[in-house]
Amino acid sequence: MEIKILLIDNSAELPSELAVMLFDAGYHVYNIACQEDCFEIIQANNPEIIIFNNFSETNNPEIFKKFKGVSEKNHIIFISENVYPENKIKQNLELGADSYILSPFNDEDLLLHISSKTSQ
């Protein structure tokens, strides 16, 4: 089964380096820079993993509620530089993020997070 990943990336260039790495690892990657487009992609393609890469607006609790409301099947991974207080990390995890990865990170670490979520 092909694992689908929606990568919402704050990168200036698309596809991002992260998207290329995930594609090279064998995943089907939808790489977008804008959250407005993502609900349509989720409903049409039902990705198993949703990755937010350096989006500060995901600290808004309503974002996670919307994503979890679209499909309980989705696993949310949040990647961010260590710029948020610990309570924001805890809040995001409590609201539905499955993983929180601090950047910079080793690609293998992200792949392990993805693998653990898709094997559940």
PDB file of N, CA and C in Angstrom:
ATOM      1  N   MET A   1       0.832  -1.176   0.000  1.00  0.00           N
ATOM      2  CA  MET A   1       0.000   0.000   0.000  1.00  0.00           C
ATOM      3  C   MET A   1       0.883   1.248   0.000  1.00  0.00           C
ATOM      4  N   GLU A   2       0.568   2.174  -0.854  1.00  0.00           N
ATOM      5  CA  GLU A   2       1.321   3.420  -0.926  1.00  0.00           C
ATOM      6  C   GLU A   2       0.855   4.376   0.169  1.00  0.00           C
ATOM      7  N   ILE A   3       1.797   4.868   0.954  1.00  0.00           N
ATOM      8  CA  ILE A   3       1.495   5.797   2.041  1.00  0.00           C
ATOM      9  C   ILE A   3       1.496   7.216   1.474  1.00  0.00           C
ATOM     10  N   LYS A   4       0.401   7.943   1.739  1.00  0.00           N
ATOM     11  CA  LYS A   4       0.270   9.316   1.257  1.00  0.00           C
ATOM     12  C   LYS A   4       0.549  10.299   2.388  1.00  0.00           C
ATOM     13  N   ILE A   5       1.345  11.307   2.048  1.00  0.00           N
ATOM     14  CA  ILE A   5       1.717  12.339   3.025  1.00  0.00           C
ATOM     15  C   ILE A   5       1.369  13.710   2.457  1.00  0.00           C
ATOM     16  N   LEU A   6       0.672  14.498   3.261  1.00  0.00           N
ATOM     17  CA  LEU A   6       0.438  15.899   2.930  1.00  0.00           C
ATOM     18  C   LEU A   6       1.460  16.713   3.702  1.00  0.00           C
ATOM     19  N   LEU A   7       2.335  17.402   2.987  1.00  0.00           N
ATOM     20  CA  LEU A   7       3.369  18.228   3.589  1.00  0.00           C
ATOM     21  C   LEU A   7       2.998  19.692   3.381  1.00  0.00           C
ATOM     22  N   ILE A   8       2.643  20.354   4.475  1.00  0.00           N
ATOM     23  CA  ILE A   8       2.334  21.784   4.434  1.00  0.00           C
ATOM     24  C   ILE A   8       3.608  22.480   4.877  1.00  0.00           C
ATOM     25  N   ASP A   9       4.268  23.077   3.907  1.00  0.00           N
ATOM     26  CA  ASP A   9       5.653  23.498   4.090  1.00  0.00           C
ATOM     27  C   ASP A   9       5.802  25.000   3.927  1.00  0.00           C
ATOM     28  N   ASN A  10       6.476  25.614   4.860  1.00  0.00           N
ATOM     29  CA  ASN A  10       6.721  27.051   4.821  1.00  0.00           C
ATOM     30  C   ASN A  10       7.941  27.389   3.967  1.00  0.00           C
ATOM     31  N   SER A  11       8.376  26.454   3.157  1.00  0.00           N
ATOM     32  CA  SER A  11       9.543  26.657   2.310  1.00  0.00           C
ATOM     33  C   SER A  11       9.205  27.612   1.168  1.00  0.00           C
ATOM     34  N   ALA A  12      10.180  28.408   0.768  1.00  0.00           N
ATOM     35  CA  ALA A  12       9.969  29.343  -0.336  1.00  0.00           C
ATOM     36  C   ALA A  12       9.899  28.608  -1.667  1.00  0.00           C
ATOM     37  N   GLU A  13      10.523  27.447  -1.741  1.00  0.00           N
ATOM     38  CA  GLU A  13      10.576  26.684  -2.978  1.00  0.00           C
ATOM     39  C   GLU A  13       9.789  25.400  -2.849  1.00  0.00           C
ATOM     40  N   LEU A  14       8.979  25.117  -3.849  1.00  0.00           N
ATOM     41  CA  LEU A  14       8.275  23.839  -3.900  1.00  0.00           C
ATOM     42  C   LEU A  14       8.697  23.116  -5.169  1.00  0.00           C
ATOM     43  N   PRO A  15       8.973  21.846  -5.168  1.00  0.00           N
ATOM     44  CA  PRO A  15       8.921  21.009  -3.977  1.00  0.00           C
ATOM     45  C   PRO A  15      10.081  21.318  -3.042  1.00  0.00           C
ATOM     46  N   SER A  16       9.818  21.180  -1.773  1.00  0.00           N
ATOM     47  CA  SER A  16      10.842  21.462  -0.769  1.00  0.00           C
ATOM     48  C   SER A  16      11.819  20.294  -0.676  1.00  0.00           C
ATOM     49  N   GLU A  17      12.955  20.546  -0.044  1.00  0.00           N
ATOM     50  CA  GLU A  17      13.934  19.473   0.169  1.00  0.00           C
ATOM     51  C   GLU A  17      13.318  18.336   0.978  1.00  0.00           C
ATOM     52  N   LEU A  18      12.481  18.692   1.934  1.00  0.00           N
ATOM     53  CA  LEU A  18      11.818  17.688   2.750  1.00  0.00           C
ATOM     54  C   LEU A  18      10.893  16.814   1.892  1.00  0.00           C
ATOM     55  N   ALA A  19      10.161  17.428   0.977  1.00  0.00           N
ATOM     56  CA  ALA A  19       9.275  16.670   0.088  1.00  0.00           C
ATOM     57  C   ALA A  19      10.072  15.722  -0.794  1.00  0.00           C
ATOM     58  N   VAL A  20      11.185  16.175  -1.307  1.00  0.00           N
ATOM     59  CA  VAL A  20      12.035  15.324  -2.149  1.00  0.00           C
ATOM     60  C   VAL A  20      12.559  14.140  -1.348  1.00  0.00           C
ATOM     61  N   MET A  21      12.988  14.385  -0.112  1.00  0.00           N
ATOM     62  CA  MET A  21      13.487  13.306   0.734  1.00  0.00           C
ATOM     63  C   MET A  21      12.388  12.268   0.983  1.00  0.00           C
ATOM     64  N   LEU A  22      11.168  12.734   1.280  1.00  0.00           N
ATOM     65  CA  LEU A  22      10.057  11.812   1.537  1.00  0.00           C
ATOM     66  C   LEU A  22       9.702  11.022   0.276  1.00  0.00           C
ATOM     67  N   PHE A  23       9.699  11.684  -0.876  1.00  0.00           N
ATOM     68  CA  PHE A  23       9.433  11.006  -2.147  1.00  0.00           C
ATOM     69  C   PHE A  23      10.503   9.937  -2.409  1.00  0.00           C
ATOM     70  N   ASP A  24      11.752  10.291  -2.192  1.00  0.00           N
ATOM     71  CA  ASP A  24      12.853   9.340  -2.395  1.00  0.00           C
ATOM     72  C   ASP A  24      12.756   8.145  -1.449  1.00  0.00           C
ATOM     73  N   ALA A  25      12.120   8.351  -0.301  1.00  0.00           N
ATOM     74  CA  ALA A  25      11.936   7.261   0.666  1.00  0.00           C
ATOM     75  C   ALA A  25      10.744   6.371   0.301  1.00  0.00           C
ATOM     76  N   GLY A  26      10.036   6.726  -0.776  1.00  0.00           N
ATOM     77  CA  GLY A  26       8.961   5.869  -1.267  1.00  0.00           C
ATOM     78  C   GLY A  26       7.548   6.319  -0.940  1.00  0.00           C
ATOM     79  N   TYR A  27       7.397   7.535  -0.440  1.00  0.00           N
ATOM     80  CA  TYR A  27       6.072   8.033  -0.093  1.00  0.00           C
ATOM     81  C   TYR A  27       5.478   8.862  -1.225  1.00  0.00           C
ATOM     82  N   HIS A  28       4.152   8.868  -1.315  1.00  0.00           N
ATOM     83  CA  HIS A  28       3.442   9.745  -2.245  1.00  0.00           C
ATOM     84  C   HIS A  28       3.224  11.062  -1.494  1.00  0.00           C
ATOM     85  N   VAL A  29       3.813  12.153  -1.986  1.00  0.00           N
ATOM     86  CA  VAL A  29       3.838  13.411  -1.247  1.00  0.00           C
ATOM     87  C   VAL A  29       3.046  14.492  -1.978  1.00  0.00           C
ATOM     88  N   TYR A  30       2.129  15.104  -1.257  1.00  0.00           N
ATOM     89  CA  TYR A  30       1.437  16.310  -1.706  1.00  0.00           C
ATOM     90  C   TYR A  30       2.104  17.457  -0.960  1.00  0.00           C
ATOM     91  N   ASN A  31       2.797  18.323  -1.674  1.00  0.00           N
ATOM     92  CA  ASN A  31       3.571  19.400  -1.040  1.00  0.00           C
ATOM     93  C   ASN A  31       2.916  20.733  -1.369  1.00  0.00           C
ATOM     94  N   ILE A  32       2.375  21.380  -0.346  1.00  0.00           N
ATOM     95  CA  ILE A  32       1.726  22.678  -0.541  1.00  0.00           C
ATOM     96  C   ILE A  32       2.289  23.676   0.460  1.00  0.00           C
ATOM     97  N   ALA A  33       2.104  24.951   0.161  1.00  0.00           N
ATOM     98  CA  ALA A  33       2.614  26.003   1.034  1.00  0.00           C
ATOM     99  C   ALA A  33       1.487  26.728   1.756  1.00  0.00           C
ATOM    100  N   CYS A  34       0.268  26.369   1.483  1.00  0.00           N
ATOM    101  CA  CYS A  34      -0.860  27.135   1.991  1.00  0.00           C
ATOM    102  C   CYS A  34      -1.875  26.222   2.656  1.00  0.00           C
ATOM    103  N   GLN A  35      -2.262  26.542   3.876  1.00  0.00           N
ATOM    104  CA  GLN A  35      -3.226  25.723   4.602  1.00  0.00           C
ATOM    105  C   GLN A  35      -4.616  25.755   3.995  1.00  0.00           C
ATOM    106  N   GLU A  36      -4.952  26.813   3.263  1.00  0.00           N
ATOM    107  CA  GLU A  36      -6.304  26.895   2.709  1.00  0.00           C
ATOM    108  C   GLU A  36      -6.601  25.757   1.743  1.00  0.00           C
ATOM    109  N   ASP A  37      -5.582  25.297   1.008  1.00  0.00           N
ATOM    110  CA  ASP A  37      -5.786  24.240   0.019  1.00  0.00           C
ATOM    111  C   ASP A  37      -5.823  22.847   0.632  1.00  0.00           C
ATOM    112  N   CYS A  38      -5.403  22.718   1.855  1.00  0.00           N
ATOM    113  CA  CYS A  38      -5.156  21.379   2.382  1.00  0.00           C
ATOM    114  C   CYS A  38      -6.417  20.592   2.684  1.00  0.00           C
ATOM    115  N   PHE A  39      -7.512  21.215   3.084  1.00  0.00           N
ATOM    116  CA  PHE A  39      -8.710  20.450   3.412  1.00  0.00           C
ATOM    117  C   PHE A  39      -9.270  19.743   2.186  1.00  0.00           C
ATOM    118  N   GLU A  40      -9.204  20.403   1.043  1.00  0.00           N
ATOM    119  CA  GLU A  40      -9.644  19.777  -0.205  1.00  0.00           C
ATOM    120  C   GLU A  40      -8.756  18.573  -0.546  1.00  0.00           C
ATOM    121  N   ILE A  41      -7.461  18.719  -0.369  1.00  0.00           N
ATOM    122  CA  ILE A  41      -6.529  17.615  -0.638  1.00  0.00           C
ATOM    123  C   ILE A  41      -6.780  16.458   0.325  1.00  0.00           C
ATOM    124  N   ILE A  42      -7.023  16.775   1.587  1.00  0.00           N
ATOM    125  CA  ILE A  42      -7.285  15.725   2.572  1.00  0.00           C
ATOM    126  C   ILE A  42      -8.555  14.960   2.208  1.00  0.00           C
ATOM    127  N   GLN A  43      -9.618  15.671   1.868  1.00  0.00           N
ATOM    128  CA  GLN A  43     -10.874  15.013   1.540  1.00  0.00           C
ATOM    129  C   GLN A  43     -10.773  14.186   0.262  1.00  0.00           C
ATOM    130  N   ALA A  44     -10.030  14.679  -0.716  1.00  0.00           N
ATOM    131  CA  ALA A  44      -9.918  13.962  -1.989  1.00  0.00           C
ATOM    132  C   ALA A  44      -8.946  12.789  -1.932  1.00  0.00           C
ATOM    133  N   ASN A  45      -7.890  12.886  -1.111  1.00  0.00           N
ATOM    134  CA  ASN A  45      -6.816  11.888  -1.153  1.00  0.00           C
ATOM    135  C   ASN A  45      -6.594  11.137   0.156  1.00  0.00           C
ATOM    136  N   ASN A  46      -7.161  11.616   1.240  1.00  0.00           N
ATOM    137  CA  ASN A  46      -7.069  10.997   2.558  1.00  0.00           C
ATOM    138  C   ASN A  46      -5.648  10.540   2.914  1.00  0.00           C
ATOM    139  N   PRO A  47      -4.716  11.484   3.027  1.00  0.00           N
ATOM    140  CA  PRO A  47      -3.336  11.105   3.383  1.00  0.00           C
ATOM    141  C   PRO A  47      -3.271  10.554   4.801  1.00  0.00           C
ATOM    142  N   GLU A  48      -2.400   9.572   4.980  1.00  0.00           N
ATOM    143  CA  GLU A  48      -2.238   8.974   6.305  1.00  0.00           C
ATOM    144  C   GLU A  48      -1.488   9.896   7.257  1.00  0.00           C
ATOM    145  N   ILE A  49      -0.577  10.702   6.703  1.00  0.00           N
ATOM    146  CA  ILE A  49       0.272  11.596   7.501  1.00  0.00           C
ATOM    147  C   ILE A  49       0.103  13.030   7.001  1.00  0.00           C
ATOM    148  N   ILE A  50      -0.032  13.951   7.949  1.00  0.00           N
ATOM    149  CA  ILE A  50      -0.018  15.386   7.638  1.00  0.00           C
ATOM    150  C   ILE A  50       1.151  15.977   8.411  1.00  0.00           C
ATOM    151  N   ILE A  51       2.064  16.609   7.683  1.00  0.00           N
ATOM    152  CA  ILE A  51       3.234  17.216   8.313  1.00  0.00           C
ATOM    153  C   ILE A  51       3.163  18.728   8.144  1.00  0.00           C
ATOM    154  N   PHE A  52       3.228  19.420   9.257  1.00  0.00           N
ATOM    155  CA  PHE A  52       3.368  20.880   9.247  1.00  0.00           C
ATOM    156  C   PHE A  52       4.841  21.177   9.436  1.00  0.00           C
ATOM    157  N   ASN A  53       5.450  21.854   8.474  1.00  0.00           N
ATOM    158  CA  ASN A  53       6.861  22.199   8.593  1.00  0.00           C
ATOM    159  C   ASN A  53       7.009  23.699   8.793  1.00  0.00           C
ATOM    160  N   ASN A  54       7.316  24.093  10.030  1.00  0.00           N
ATOM    161  CA  ASN A  54       7.584  25.485  10.383  1.00  0.00           C
ATOM    162  C   ASN A  54       6.430  26.439  10.086  1.00  0.00           C
ATOM    163  N   PHE A  55       5.235  26.045  10.486  1.00  0.00           N
ATOM    164  CA  PHE A  55       4.076  26.931  10.367  1.00  0.00           C
ATOM    165  C   PHE A  55       3.666  27.409  11.740  1.00  0.00           C
ATOM    166  N   SER A  56       3.905  28.665  12.039  1.00  0.00           N
ATOM    167  CA  SER A  56       3.586  29.183  13.364  1.00  0.00           C
ATOM    168  C   SER A  56       2.087  29.209  13.617  1.00  0.00           C
ATOM    169  N   GLU A  57       1.282  29.325  12.552  1.00  0.00           N
ATOM    170  CA  GLU A  57      -0.157  29.401  12.787  1.00  0.00           C
ATOM    171  C   GLU A  57      -0.753  28.074  13.248  1.00  0.00           C
ATOM    172  N   THR A  58       0.023  26.995  13.201  1.00  0.00           N
ATOM    173  CA  THR A  58      -0.501  25.734  13.717  1.00  0.00           C
ATOM    174  C   THR A  58      -0.527  25.729  15.234  1.00  0.00           C
ATOM    175  N   ASN A  59      -0.026  26.770  15.868  1.00  0.00           N
ATOM    176  CA  ASN A  59      -0.169  26.876  17.309  1.00  0.00           C
ATOM    177  C   ASN A  59      -1.581  27.312  17.691  1.00  0.00           C
ATOM    178  N   ASN A  60      -2.421  27.516  16.705  1.00  0.00           N
ATOM    179  CA  ASN A  60      -3.819  27.846  16.929  1.00  0.00           C
ATOM    180  C   ASN A  60      -4.577  26.542  17.177  1.00  0.00           C
ATOM    181  N   PRO A  61      -5.188  26.379  18.355  1.00  0.00           N
ATOM    182  CA  PRO A  61      -5.885  25.128  18.667  1.00  0.00           C
ATOM    183  C   PRO A  61      -6.957  24.743  17.656  1.00  0.00           C
ATOM    184  N   GLU A  62      -7.568  25.725  17.006  1.00  0.00           N
ATOM    185  CA  GLU A  62      -8.631  25.412  16.052  1.00  0.00           C
ATOM    186  C   GLU A  62      -8.123  24.653  14.832  1.00  0.00           C
ATOM    187  N   ILE A  63      -6.846  24.860  14.468  1.00  0.00           N
ATOM    188  CA  ILE A  63      -6.278  24.163  13.315  1.00  0.00           C
ATOM    189  C   ILE A  63      -6.324  22.657  13.530  1.00  0.00           C
ATOM    190  N   PHE A  64      -5.857  22.188  14.676  1.00  0.00           N
ATOM    191  CA  PHE A  64      -5.838  20.748  14.924  1.00  0.00           C
ATOM    192  C   PHE A  64      -7.240  20.174  15.008  1.00  0.00           C
ATOM    193  N   LYS A  65      -8.164  20.911  15.595  1.00  0.00           N
ATOM    194  CA  LYS A  65      -9.546  20.435  15.666  1.00  0.00           C
ATOM    195  C   LYS A  65     -10.110  20.237  14.259  1.00  0.00           C
ATOM    196  N   LYS A  66      -9.816  21.162  13.351  1.00  0.00           N
ATOM    197  CA  LYS A  66     -10.289  21.041  11.970  1.00  0.00           C
ATOM    198  C   LYS A  66      -9.688  19.819  11.290  1.00  0.00           C
ATOM    199  N   PHE A  67      -8.381  19.618  11.467  1.00  0.00           N
ATOM    200  CA  PHE A  67      -7.727  18.485  10.818  1.00  0.00           C
ATOM    201  C   PHE A  67      -8.232  17.162  11.362  1.00  0.00           C
ATOM    202  N   LYS A  68      -8.354  17.064  12.669  1.00  0.00           N
ATOM    203  CA  LYS A  68      -8.848  15.824  13.263  1.00  0.00           C
ATOM    204  C   LYS A  68     -10.310  15.600  12.909  1.00  0.00           C
ATOM    205  N   GLY A  69     -11.048  16.677  12.643  1.00  0.00           N
ATOM    206  CA  GLY A  69     -12.454  16.549  12.262  1.00  0.00           C
ATOM    207  C   GLY A  69     -12.649  16.026  10.858  1.00  0.00           C
ATOM    208  N   VAL A  70     -11.679  16.215   9.988  1.00  0.00           N
ATOM    209  CA  VAL A  70     -11.787  15.751   8.603  1.00  0.00           C
ATOM    210  C   VAL A  70     -11.646  14.242   8.542  1.00  0.00           C
ATOM    211  N   SER A  71     -10.681  13.704   9.266  1.00  0.00           N
ATOM    212  CA  SER A  71     -10.476  12.260   9.266  1.00  0.00           C
ATOM    213  C   SER A  71      -9.705  11.850  10.512  1.00  0.00           C
ATOM    214  N   GLU A  72     -10.240  10.896  11.217  1.00  0.00           N
ATOM    215  CA  GLU A  72      -9.541  10.372  12.396  1.00  0.00           C
ATOM    216  C   GLU A  72      -8.334   9.535  11.989  1.00  0.00           C
ATOM    217  N   LYS A  73      -8.269   9.161  10.720  1.00  0.00           N
ATOM    218  CA  LYS A  73      -7.186   8.313  10.214  1.00  0.00           C
ATOM    219  C   LYS A  73      -5.862   9.078  10.118  1.00  0.00           C
ATOM    220  N   ASN A  74      -5.933  10.391   9.960  1.00  0.00           N
ATOM    221  CA  ASN A  74      -4.725  11.190   9.763  1.00  0.00           C
ATOM    222  C   ASN A  74      -3.873  11.258  11.020  1.00  0.00           C
ATOM    223  N   HIS A  75      -2.564  11.178  10.830  1.00  0.00           N
ATOM    224  CA  HIS A  75      -1.604  11.391  11.900  1.00  0.00           C
ATOM    225  C   HIS A  75      -0.912  12.718  11.612  1.00  0.00           C
ATOM    226  N   ILE A  76      -0.830  13.575  12.606  1.00  0.00           N
ATOM    227  CA  ILE A  76      -0.251  14.899  12.422  1.00  0.00           C
ATOM    228  C   ILE A  76       1.130  14.940  13.061  1.00  0.00           C
ATOM    229  N   ILE A  77       2.110  15.362  12.251  1.00  0.00           N
ATOM    230  CA  ILE A  77       3.471  15.564  12.728  1.00  0.00           C
ATOM    231  C   ILE A  77       3.796  17.039  12.559  1.00  0.00           C
ATOM    232  N   PHE A  78       4.252  17.640  13.627  1.00  0.00           N
ATOM    233  CA  PHE A  78       4.576  19.058  13.619  1.00  0.00           C
ATOM    234  C   PHE A  78       6.087  19.205  13.745  1.00  0.00           C
ATOM    235  N   ILE A  79       6.699  19.884  12.777  1.00  0.00           N
ATOM    236  CA  ILE A  79       8.140  20.136  12.800  1.00  0.00           C
ATOM    237  C   ILE A  79       8.348  21.630  13.010  1.00  0.00           C
ATOM    238  N   SER A  80       9.183  21.968  13.974  1.00  0.00           N
ATOM    239  CA  SER A  80       9.414  23.375  14.240  1.00  0.00           C
ATOM    240  C   SER A  80      10.774  23.574  14.876  1.00  0.00           C
ATOM    241  N   GLU A  81      11.310  24.759  14.655  1.00  0.00           N
ATOM    242  CA  GLU A  81      12.504  25.149  15.397  1.00  0.00           C
ATOM    243  C   GLU A  81      12.079  25.344  16.843  1.00  0.00           C
ATOM    244  N   ASN A  82      12.985  25.239  17.741  1.00  0.00           N
ATOM    245  CA  ASN A  82      12.670  25.344  19.158  1.00  0.00           C
ATOM    246  C   ASN A  82      12.440  26.804  19.535  1.00  0.00           C
ATOM    247  N   VAL A  83      11.323  27.358  19.061  1.00  0.00           N
ATOM    248  CA  VAL A  83      11.024  28.760  19.339  1.00  0.00           C
ATOM    249  C   VAL A  83       9.758  28.927  20.166  1.00  0.00           C
ATOM    250  N   TYR A  84       9.088  27.830  20.477  1.00  0.00           N
ATOM    251  CA  TYR A  84       7.843  27.908  21.225  1.00  0.00           C
ATOM    252  C   TYR A  84       8.063  27.436  22.654  1.00  0.00           C
ATOM    253  N   PRO A  85       7.383  28.040  23.584  1.00  0.00           N
ATOM    254  CA  PRO A  85       7.499  27.570  24.962  1.00  0.00           C
ATOM    255  C   PRO A  85       6.972  26.141  25.081  1.00  0.00           C
ATOM    256  N   GLU A  86       7.456  25.422  26.082  1.00  0.00           N
ATOM    257  CA  GLU A  86       7.070  24.032  26.279  1.00  0.00           C
ATOM    258  C   GLU A  86       5.564  23.849  26.358  1.00  0.00           C
ATOM    259  N   ASN A  87       4.848  24.821  26.930  1.00  0.00           N
ATOM    260  CA  ASN A  87       3.401  24.660  27.051  1.00  0.00           C
ATOM    261  C   ASN A  87       2.717  24.623  25.686  1.00  0.00           C
ATOM    262  N   LYS A  88       3.283  25.289  24.660  1.00  0.00           N
ATOM    263  CA  LYS A  88       2.717  25.222  23.307  1.00  0.00           C
ATOM    264  C   LYS A  88       2.919  23.823  22.720  1.00  0.00           C
ATOM    265  N   ILE A  89       4.080  23.232  22.950  1.00  0.00           N
ATOM    266  CA  ILE A  89       4.334  21.877  22.470  1.00  0.00           C
ATOM    267  C   ILE A  89       3.334  20.932  23.120  1.00  0.00           C
ATOM    268  N   LYS A  90       3.189  21.028  24.430  1.00  0.00           N
ATOM    269  CA  LYS A  90       2.249  20.189  25.159  1.00  0.00           C
ATOM    270  C   LYS A  90       0.825  20.413  24.654  1.00  0.00           C
ATOM    271  N   GLN A  91       0.455  21.675  24.443  1.00  0.00           N
ATOM    272  CA  GLN A  91      -0.890  21.995  23.968  1.00  0.00           C
ATOM    273  C   GLN A  91      -1.143  21.358  22.599  1.00  0.00           C
ATOM    274  N   ASN A  92      -0.174  21.461  21.684  1.00  0.00           N
ATOM    275  CA  ASN A  92      -0.357  20.872  20.352  1.00  0.00           C
ATOM    276  C   ASN A  92      -0.511  19.356  20.437  1.00  0.00           C
ATOM    277  N   LEU A  93       0.264  18.717  21.289  1.00  0.00           N
ATOM    278  CA  LEU A  93       0.142  17.271  21.452  1.00  0.00           C
ATOM    279  C   LEU A  93      -1.201  16.907  22.068  1.00  0.00           C
ATOM    280  N   GLU A  94      -1.652  17.657  23.041  1.00  0.00           N
ATOM    281  CA  GLU A  94      -2.950  17.390  23.665  1.00  0.00           C
ATOM    282  C   GLU A  94      -4.113  17.604  22.701  1.00  0.00           C
ATOM    283  N   LEU A  95      -3.949  18.521  21.763  1.00  0.00           N
ATOM    284  CA  LEU A  95      -5.023  18.819  20.814  1.00  0.00           C
ATOM    285  C   LEU A  95      -5.085  17.858  19.635  1.00  0.00           C
ATOM    286  N   GLY A  96      -4.065  17.017  19.477  1.00  0.00           N
ATOM    287  CA  GLY A  96      -4.172  16.041  18.413  1.00  0.00           C
ATOM    288  C   GLY A  96      -2.939  15.805  17.580  1.00  0.00           C
ATOM    289  N   ALA A  97      -1.898  16.602  17.758  1.00  0.00           N
ATOM    290  CA  ALA A  97      -0.658  16.301  17.037  1.00  0.00           C
ATOM    291  C   ALA A  97      -0.117  14.985  17.577  1.00  0.00           C
ATOM    292  N   ASP A  98       0.319  14.106  16.689  1.00  0.00           N
ATOM    293  CA  ASP A  98       0.829  12.803  17.097  1.00  0.00           C
ATOM    294  C   ASP A  98       2.312  12.858  17.436  1.00  0.00           C
ATOM    295  N   SER A  99       3.036  13.767  16.795  1.00  0.00           N
ATOM    296  CA  SER A  99       4.472  13.903  17.043  1.00  0.00           C
ATOM    297  C   SER A  99       4.864  15.364  16.913  1.00  0.00           C
ATOM    298  N   TYR A 100       5.886  15.732  17.648  1.00  0.00           N
ATOM    299  CA  TYR A 100       6.448  17.071  17.578  1.00  0.00           C
ATOM    300  C   TYR A 100       7.955  16.893  17.449  1.00  0.00           C
ATOM    301  N   ILE A 101       8.514  17.323  16.322  1.00  0.00           N
ATOM    302  CA  ILE A 101       9.933  17.139  16.048  1.00  0.00           C
ATOM    303  C   ILE A 101      10.604  18.504  15.990  1.00  0.00           C
ATOM    304  N   LEU A 102      11.680  18.641  16.739  1.00  0.00           N
ATOM    305  CA  LEU A 102      12.427  19.895  16.718  1.00  0.00           C
ATOM    306  C   LEU A 102      13.411  19.898  15.560  1.00  0.00           C
ATOM    307  N   SER A 103      13.496  21.044  14.908  1.00  0.00           N
ATOM    308  CA  SER A 103      14.402  21.219  13.786  1.00  0.00           C
ATOM    309  C   SER A 103      15.645  21.949  14.286  1.00  0.00           C
ATOM    310  N   PRO A 104      16.823  21.634  13.802  1.00  0.00           N
ATOM    311  CA  PRO A 104      17.120  20.656  12.753  1.00  0.00           C
ATOM    312  C   PRO A 104      17.004  19.224  13.287  1.00  0.00           C
ATOM    313  N   PHE A 105      16.721  18.311  12.376  1.00  0.00           N
ATOM    314  CA  PHE A 105      16.543  16.921  12.744  1.00  0.00           C
ATOM    315  C   PHE A 105      17.213  16.031  11.709  1.00  0.00           C
ATOM    316  N   ASN A 106      17.422  14.814  12.079  1.00  0.00           N
ATOM    317  CA  ASN A 106      17.982  13.816  11.180  1.00  0.00           C
ATOM    318  C   ASN A 106      16.832  13.243  10.351  1.00  0.00           C
ATOM    319  N   ASP A 107      17.001  13.131   9.036  1.00  0.00           N
ATOM    320  CA  ASP A 107      15.947  12.596   8.169  1.00  0.00           C
ATOM    321  C   ASP A 107      15.455  11.240   8.654  1.00  0.00           C
ATOM    322  N   GLU A 108      16.380  10.420   9.123  1.00  0.00           N
ATOM    323  CA  GLU A 108      16.025   9.083   9.594  1.00  0.00           C
ATOM    324  C   GLU A 108      15.061   9.153  10.783  1.00  0.00           C
ATOM    325  N   ASP A 109      15.206  10.161  11.637  1.00  0.00           N
ATOM    326  CA  ASP A 109      14.286  10.328  12.764  1.00  0.00           C
ATOM    327  C   ASP A 109      12.862  10.577  12.276  1.00  0.00           C
ATOM    328  N   LEU A 110      12.704  11.458  11.288  1.00  0.00           N
ATOM    329  CA  LEU A 110      11.374  11.724  10.741  1.00  0.00           C
ATOM    330  C   LEU A 110      10.799  10.463  10.103  1.00  0.00           C
ATOM    331  N   LEU A 111      11.617   9.746   9.349  1.00  0.00           N
ATOM    332  CA  LEU A 111      11.136   8.511   8.712  1.00  0.00           C
ATOM    333  C   LEU A 111      10.690   7.488   9.755  1.00  0.00           C
ATOM    334  N   LEU A 112      11.369   7.444  10.887  1.00  0.00           N
ATOM    335  CA  LEU A 112      10.957   6.537  11.964  1.00  0.00           C
ATOM    336  C   LEU A 112       9.611   6.962  12.574  1.00  0.00           C
ATOM    337  N   HIS A 113       9.414   8.259  12.749  1.00  0.00           N
ATOM    338  CA  HIS A 113       8.120   8.754  13.239  1.00  0.00           C
ATOM    339  C   HIS A 113       7.013   8.357  12.280  1.00  0.00           C
ATOM    340  N   ILE A 114       7.242   8.549  10.989  1.00  0.00           N
ATOM    341  CA  ILE A 114       6.244   8.217   9.976  1.00  0.00           C
ATOM    342  C   ILE A 114       5.950   6.726   9.995  1.00  0.00           C
ATOM    343  N   SER A 115       6.999   5.926  10.014  1.00  0.00           N
ATOM    344  CA  SER A 115       6.835   4.475  10.012  1.00  0.00           C
ATOM    345  C   SER A 115       6.052   3.990  11.234  1.00  0.00           C
ATOM    346  N   SER A 116       6.343   4.571  12.385  1.00  0.00           N
ATOM    347  CA  SER A 116       5.629   4.145  13.595  1.00  0.00           C
ATOM    348  C   SER A 116       4.149   4.510  13.521  1.00  0.00           C
ATOM    349  N   LYS A 117       3.812   5.627  12.903  1.00  0.00           N
ATOM    350  CA  LYS A 117       2.418   6.038  12.795  1.00  0.00           C
ATOM    351  C   LYS A 117       1.654   5.222  11.755  1.00  0.00           C
ATOM    352  N   THR A 118       2.308   4.865  10.677  1.00  0.00           N
ATOM    353  CA  THR A 118       1.609   4.143   9.606  1.00  0.00           C
ATOM    354  C   THR A 118       1.498   2.646   9.887  1.00  0.00           C
ATOM    355  N   SER A 119       2.234   2.159  10.873  1.00  0.00           N
ATOM    356  CA  SER A 119       2.155   0.729  11.199  1.00  0.00           C
ATOM    357  C   SER A 119       1.152   0.466  12.317  1.00  0.00           C
ATOM    358  N   GLN A 120       0.519   1.502  12.839  1.00  0.00           N
ATOM    359  CA  GLN A 120      -0.453   1.328  13.930  1.00  0.00           C
ATOM    360  C   GLN A 120      -1.765   0.779  13.417  1.00  0.00           C
TER     361      GLN A 120
END
